[in-house]
Protein backbone atom coordinates (compact mmCIF):
# COMPACT_ATOMS: atom_id res chain seq x y z
CA MET A 1 -12.55 -28.77 -3.46
CA ILE A 2 -10.78 -25.94 -1.60
CA GLY A 3 -7.11 -26.38 -2.42
CA PRO A 4 -3.97 -24.26 -2.08
CA ASP A 5 -4.25 -23.06 -5.67
CA LYS A 6 -7.74 -21.67 -5.12
CA ILE A 7 -6.70 -19.84 -1.94
CA ALA A 8 -3.61 -18.43 -3.68
CA ALA A 9 -5.68 -17.23 -6.66
CA LEU A 10 -8.23 -15.51 -4.42
CA PHE A 11 -5.48 -13.88 -2.39
CA ALA A 12 -3.72 -12.61 -5.53
CA ARG A 13 -6.97 -10.88 -6.56
CA GLY A 14 -7.45 -9.37 -3.10
CA GLU A 15 -10.62 -11.36 -2.41
CA PHE A 16 -9.86 -11.61 1.29
CA HIS A 17 -13.52 -11.69 2.31
CA SER A 18 -14.02 -14.80 0.13
CA ILE A 19 -11.09 -16.54 1.81
CA ALA A 20 -12.47 -15.61 5.23
CA LEU A 21 -15.85 -17.12 4.33
CA LEU A 22 -14.16 -20.31 3.09
CA TRP A 23 -12.24 -20.51 6.36
CA HIS A 24 -15.33 -20.18 8.52
CA ASN A 25 -17.21 -22.73 6.40
CA ALA A 26 -14.42 -25.31 6.16
CA LYS A 27 -12.12 -24.56 9.08
CA HIS A 28 -11.36 -28.17 9.94
CA ALA A 29 -10.21 -29.06 6.42
CA LEU A 30 -8.20 -25.86 5.93
CA THR A 31 -6.38 -26.25 9.26
CA GLU A 32 -4.39 -29.07 7.67
CA SER A 33 -3.39 -26.96 4.66
CA PRO A 34 0.29 -26.30 3.82
CA VAL A 35 1.91 -23.46 5.78
CA ARG A 36 1.97 -21.19 2.72
CA THR A 37 -1.80 -21.58 2.42
CA ARG A 38 -2.42 -21.07 6.13
CA VAL A 39 -0.47 -17.83 6.16
CA LEU A 40 -2.60 -16.51 3.28
CA ILE A 41 -5.74 -17.38 5.25
CA ALA A 42 -4.34 -15.70 8.37
CA ALA A 43 -3.53 -12.51 6.45
CA SER A 44 -6.98 -12.51 4.86
CA LEU A 45 -8.65 -12.80 8.26
CA ALA A 46 -6.57 -9.89 9.50
CA PHE A 47 -7.57 -7.73 6.54
CA VAL A 48 -11.29 -8.38 7.08
CA ALA A 49 -10.96 -7.44 10.76
CA ASP A 50 -11.14 -10.86 12.41
CA PRO A 51 -8.05 -10.36 14.59
CA GLU A 52 -8.67 -13.19 17.03
CA GLU A 53 -8.86 -15.84 14.30
CA ALA A 54 -5.98 -14.25 12.39
CA LEU A 55 -3.68 -14.29 15.42
CA HIS A 56 -4.68 -17.84 16.30
CA LEU A 57 -3.64 -18.97 12.83
CA ALA A 58 -0.65 -16.69 12.23
CA GLN A 59 1.29 -16.75 15.50
CA PRO A 60 2.32 -20.44 15.33
CA LEU A 61 3.65 -19.77 11.81
CA LEU A 62 6.23 -17.35 13.24
CA ALA A 63 8.25 -20.47 14.08
CA ALA A 64 8.22 -21.78 10.50
CA THR A 65 11.50 -22.62 8.80
CA ASP A 66 10.55 -20.80 5.58
CA ARG A 67 11.58 -17.16 6.06
CA SER A 68 9.04 -16.03 3.48
CA VAL A 69 6.26 -17.63 5.52
CA VAL A 70 7.59 -16.05 8.73
CA CYS A 71 7.66 -12.63 7.03
CA HIS A 72 4.06 -13.00 5.85
CA ALA A 73 2.94 -14.32 9.25
CA GLU A 74 4.56 -11.33 10.98
CA LEU A 75 2.70 -9.02 8.60
CA ALA A 76 -0.59 -10.81 9.35
CA VAL A 77 0.07 -10.49 13.09
CA GLY A 78 0.82 -6.78 12.69
CA ILE A 79 -2.38 -6.12 10.74
CA ALA A 80 -4.44 -8.15 13.22
CA LEU A 81 -2.99 -6.29 16.22
CA TRP A 82 -3.63 -2.98 14.43
CA ARG A 83 -7.26 -3.93 13.81
CA ASP A 84 -7.52 -4.97 17.47
CA GLY A 85 -6.30 -1.58 18.67
CA ARG A 86 -2.96 -2.80 20.03
CA VAL A 87 -1.00 -0.10 18.25
CA PRO A 88 2.52 -0.39 19.80
CA ASN A 89 2.55 -4.17 19.30
CA ALA A 90 1.23 -3.75 15.76
CA LEU A 91 4.03 -1.34 14.93
CA SER A 92 6.64 -3.79 16.24
CA SER A 93 5.28 -6.64 14.10
CA LEU A 94 4.95 -4.50 10.97
CA GLN A 95 8.54 -3.32 11.36
CA LYS A 96 9.70 -6.91 11.83
CA ALA A 97 7.87 -7.88 8.65
CA VAL A 98 9.69 -5.14 6.73
CA ARG A 99 13.06 -6.34 8.06
CA LEU A 100 12.26 -9.96 7.25
CA SER A 101 11.13 -9.03 3.75
CA ALA A 102 14.68 -7.90 2.98
CA GLU A 103 15.84 -11.48 3.62
CA THR A 104 13.52 -12.99 1.03
CA ASN A 105 13.63 -13.01 -2.76
CA ASP A 106 9.97 -11.99 -2.97
CA ARG A 107 10.04 -8.38 -4.18
CA VAL A 108 6.25 -8.15 -4.28
CA ARG A 109 5.97 -9.24 -0.64
CA ARG A 110 8.67 -6.71 0.27
CA ALA A 111 6.65 -3.95 -1.39
CA TRP A 112 3.46 -4.94 0.43
CA CYS A 113 5.27 -4.97 3.80
CA HIS A 114 6.56 -1.45 3.18
CA LEU A 115 3.14 -0.25 2.03
CA HIS A 116 1.26 -1.56 5.06
CA LEU A 117 3.76 0.13 7.35
CA LEU A 118 3.28 3.34 5.37
CA ARG A 119 -0.48 3.10 5.81
CA PHE A 120 0.06 2.56 9.54
CA PHE A 121 2.30 5.63 9.70
CA ILE A 122 -0.35 7.74 7.96
CA ASP A 123 -2.71 6.99 10.85
CA PHE A 124 -0.25 7.24 13.74
CA GLN A 125 2.83 9.28 12.79
CA PRO A 126 3.33 13.05 12.27
CA SER A 127 2.80 13.98 8.63
CA ASP A 128 6.25 15.59 8.31
CA SER A 129 7.86 12.21 8.99
CA LEU A 130 6.14 10.50 6.05
CA PRO A 131 7.89 11.74 2.87
CA SER A 132 11.06 9.71 3.46
CA TRP A 133 9.05 6.52 3.97
CA VAL A 134 6.97 7.28 0.88
CA GLY A 135 10.25 7.41 -1.03
CA ALA A 136 11.30 4.02 0.36
CA CYS A 137 7.93 2.59 -0.65
CA ARG A 138 8.24 3.97 -4.17
CA ARG A 139 11.57 2.16 -4.56
CA THR A 140 10.20 -1.18 -3.40
CA VAL A 141 7.07 -0.80 -5.53
CA TYR A 142 9.17 0.00 -8.60
CA GLU A 143 11.38 -3.03 -7.92
CA SER A 144 8.33 -5.28 -7.49
CA GLY A 145 6.98 -4.50 -10.95
CA SER A 146 3.48 -5.04 -9.56
CA PRO A 147 0.60 -2.80 -10.71
CA GLN A 148 -1.32 -3.82 -7.58
CA THR A 149 1.34 -2.51 -5.20
CA ALA A 150 1.61 0.65 -7.32
CA ALA A 151 -2.16 1.09 -7.04
CA TYR A 152 -2.05 0.73 -3.27
CA LEU A 153 0.80 3.24 -3.04
CA HIS A 154 -1.41 5.75 -4.86
CA CYS A 155 -4.27 4.84 -2.51
CA CYS A 156 -2.08 5.53 0.53
CA VAL A 157 -0.88 8.84 -0.89
CA ALA A 158 -4.52 9.75 -1.61
CA THR A 159 -5.36 9.14 2.04
CA PHE A 160 -2.42 11.27 3.15
CA GLU A 161 -3.30 14.13 0.79
CA GLY A 162 -6.95 13.96 1.79
CA GLN A 163 -6.05 14.28 5.46
CA ARG A 164 -4.08 17.41 4.61
CA GLY A 165 -7.05 18.89 2.75
CA ASN A 166 -5.56 18.49 -0.72
CA LEU A 167 -8.71 16.97 -2.17
CA GLY A 168 -7.82 17.50 -5.82
CA GLU A 169 -4.49 15.75 -5.38
CA ALA A 170 -6.15 12.98 -3.39
CA LEU A 171 -8.65 12.41 -6.18
CA ARG A 172 -5.86 12.34 -8.78
CA HIS A 173 -4.11 9.54 -6.91
CA CYS A 174 -7.41 7.62 -6.63
CA GLU A 175 -7.82 7.84 -10.39
CA LEU A 176 -4.25 6.64 -10.96
CA ALA A 177 -4.89 3.69 -8.66
CA GLU A 178 -8.09 2.76 -10.49
CA ASN A 179 -6.31 2.89 -13.85
CA LEU A 180 -3.64 0.48 -12.61
CA LEU A 181 -6.26 -1.91 -11.22
CA GLU A 182 -7.94 -2.21 -14.61
CA SER A 183 -5.06 -4.41 -15.79
CA ALA A 184 -4.42 -6.11 -12.45
CA PRO A 185 -7.62 -6.34 -10.38
CA HIS A 186 -7.38 -6.38 -6.59
CA VAL A 187 -10.69 -6.20 -4.74
CA TRP A 188 -9.29 -5.07 -1.38
CA VAL A 189 -7.28 -2.21 -2.90
CA LEU A 190 -10.21 -1.14 -5.09
CA ALA A 191 -12.45 -1.05 -2.00
CA ALA A 192 -9.89 1.16 -0.26
CA VAL A 193 -9.82 3.48 -3.27
CA GLU A 194 -13.63 3.66 -3.36
CA ARG A 195 -13.68 4.41 0.36
CA ASN A 196 -11.24 7.26 -0.23
CA ARG A 197 -13.35 8.59 -3.09
CA GLY A 198 -16.45 8.47 -0.90
CA SER A 199 -14.64 10.44 1.81
CA ILE A 200 -13.45 13.02 -0.73
CA GLU A 201 -16.99 13.53 -2.04
CA ALA A 202 -18.31 13.82 1.51
CA LEU A 203 -15.79 16.57 2.25
CA ARG A 204 -17.00 18.30 -0.92
CA PHE A 205 -20.60 17.95 0.35
CA ASN A 206 -21.51 15.74 -2.60
CA PHE A 207 -23.44 13.38 -0.36
CA LYS A 208 -25.23 11.42 -3.07
CA GLU A 209 -21.97 10.69 -4.87
CA ALA A 210 -20.25 9.82 -1.59
CA ASN A 211 -22.97 7.33 -0.74
CA ARG A 212 -22.61 5.76 -4.20
CA HIS A 213 -18.93 5.08 -3.53
CA PHE A 214 -19.70 3.63 -0.10
CA GLU A 215 -22.30 1.32 -1.66
CA THR A 216 -19.58 0.10 -4.04
CA VAL A 217 -17.36 -0.67 -1.06
CA GLU A 218 -20.18 -2.71 0.49
CA ARG A 219 -20.59 -4.66 -2.72
CA LEU A 220 -16.87 -5.32 -3.06
CA THR A 221 -16.41 -6.43 0.54
CA ALA A 222 -19.54 -8.48 1.18
CA GLY A 223 -18.91 -10.58 4.26
CA SER A 224 -16.23 -8.30 5.72
CA GLN A 225 -17.13 -7.05 9.17
CA GLY A 226 -14.28 -4.56 9.13
CA ALA A 227 -15.51 -2.94 5.94
CA TRP A 228 -19.05 -2.73 7.26
CA LEU A 229 -17.85 -0.97 10.41
CA ALA A 230 -15.88 1.55 8.35
CA ILE A 231 -18.80 2.21 6.04
CA ASP A 232 -21.28 2.59 8.91
CA GLY A 233 -18.94 5.16 10.44
CA SER A 234 -18.67 7.02 7.14
CA ARG A 235 -22.44 6.98 6.66
CA ALA A 236 -22.97 8.30 10.17
CA HIS A 237 -20.64 11.18 9.32
CA LEU A 238 -22.48 11.77 6.03
CA ALA A 239 -25.84 11.86 7.77
CA TYR A 240 -24.51 14.30 10.37
CA GLN A 241 -23.10 16.61 7.67
CA ALA A 242 -26.43 16.55 5.85
CA GLY A 243 -28.36 17.40 9.01
CA ARG A 244 -30.03 13.97 9.24
CA PHE A 245 -29.27 13.62 12.93
CA GLU A 246 -31.58 10.68 13.64
CA ALA A 247 -29.95 8.67 10.85
CA ALA A 248 -26.52 9.59 12.20
CA LYS A 249 -27.59 8.51 15.68
CA THR A 250 -28.87 5.19 14.34
CA SER A 251 -25.60 4.44 12.56
CA LEU A 252 -23.48 5.43 15.56
CA THR A 253 -25.65 3.39 17.92
CA LYS A 254 -25.19 0.37 15.65
CA LEU A 255 -21.43 0.85 15.73
CA ILE A 256 -21.28 1.16 19.50
CA GLY A 257 -23.53 -1.85 19.97
């Protein structure tokens, strides 16, 4: 039986793709789940890049009486809009989630809200505006006492350092994240770390090692369309760097189609 406890346990381990598969296989039964379970499903769908389903499930929960549920629903909406390319609306929802998180007693949720906004800023804000927000994230992560949020903070910093060309520093943060996840596993964060490591190796022209990391991402995120799209894009870039232009064309054609 698929109950709230099972969904909560999967979510705590970052097995969002498993929750998404459960949703698509037992949607009718799960629709009647408690609001706290539905918001976990909505967030999971957003993380695996199923924005339409995530928004359908999350938006009605914005009217919930439980402020913690509203905060998590706003976060799910923000992630879904981000995945759907609606960047200004995504930013608004992610910022609302951060503000709402301050009204709850859930320090771990507060840390996650700050971290997802940080990751958004890494993609869409000037790099010189990030250090102050990294500092705010460090404070919330420290207060949360969660190794998983600490691991994702290192993952985000690795992405930021990698974009600036500081590959050694990026790799160091990946290793710190992996060490933290040994005691507190989180599949989604580990996949993000492996994706970063694959990108680092690609930039170092270690194509075989890069592909090994991308294969690990595929294994960790089986069933996640969003992860597959990201990996196909990375493999197209790898093939292009290695001079395998037909393979690159095949991967890019698959992405466009």
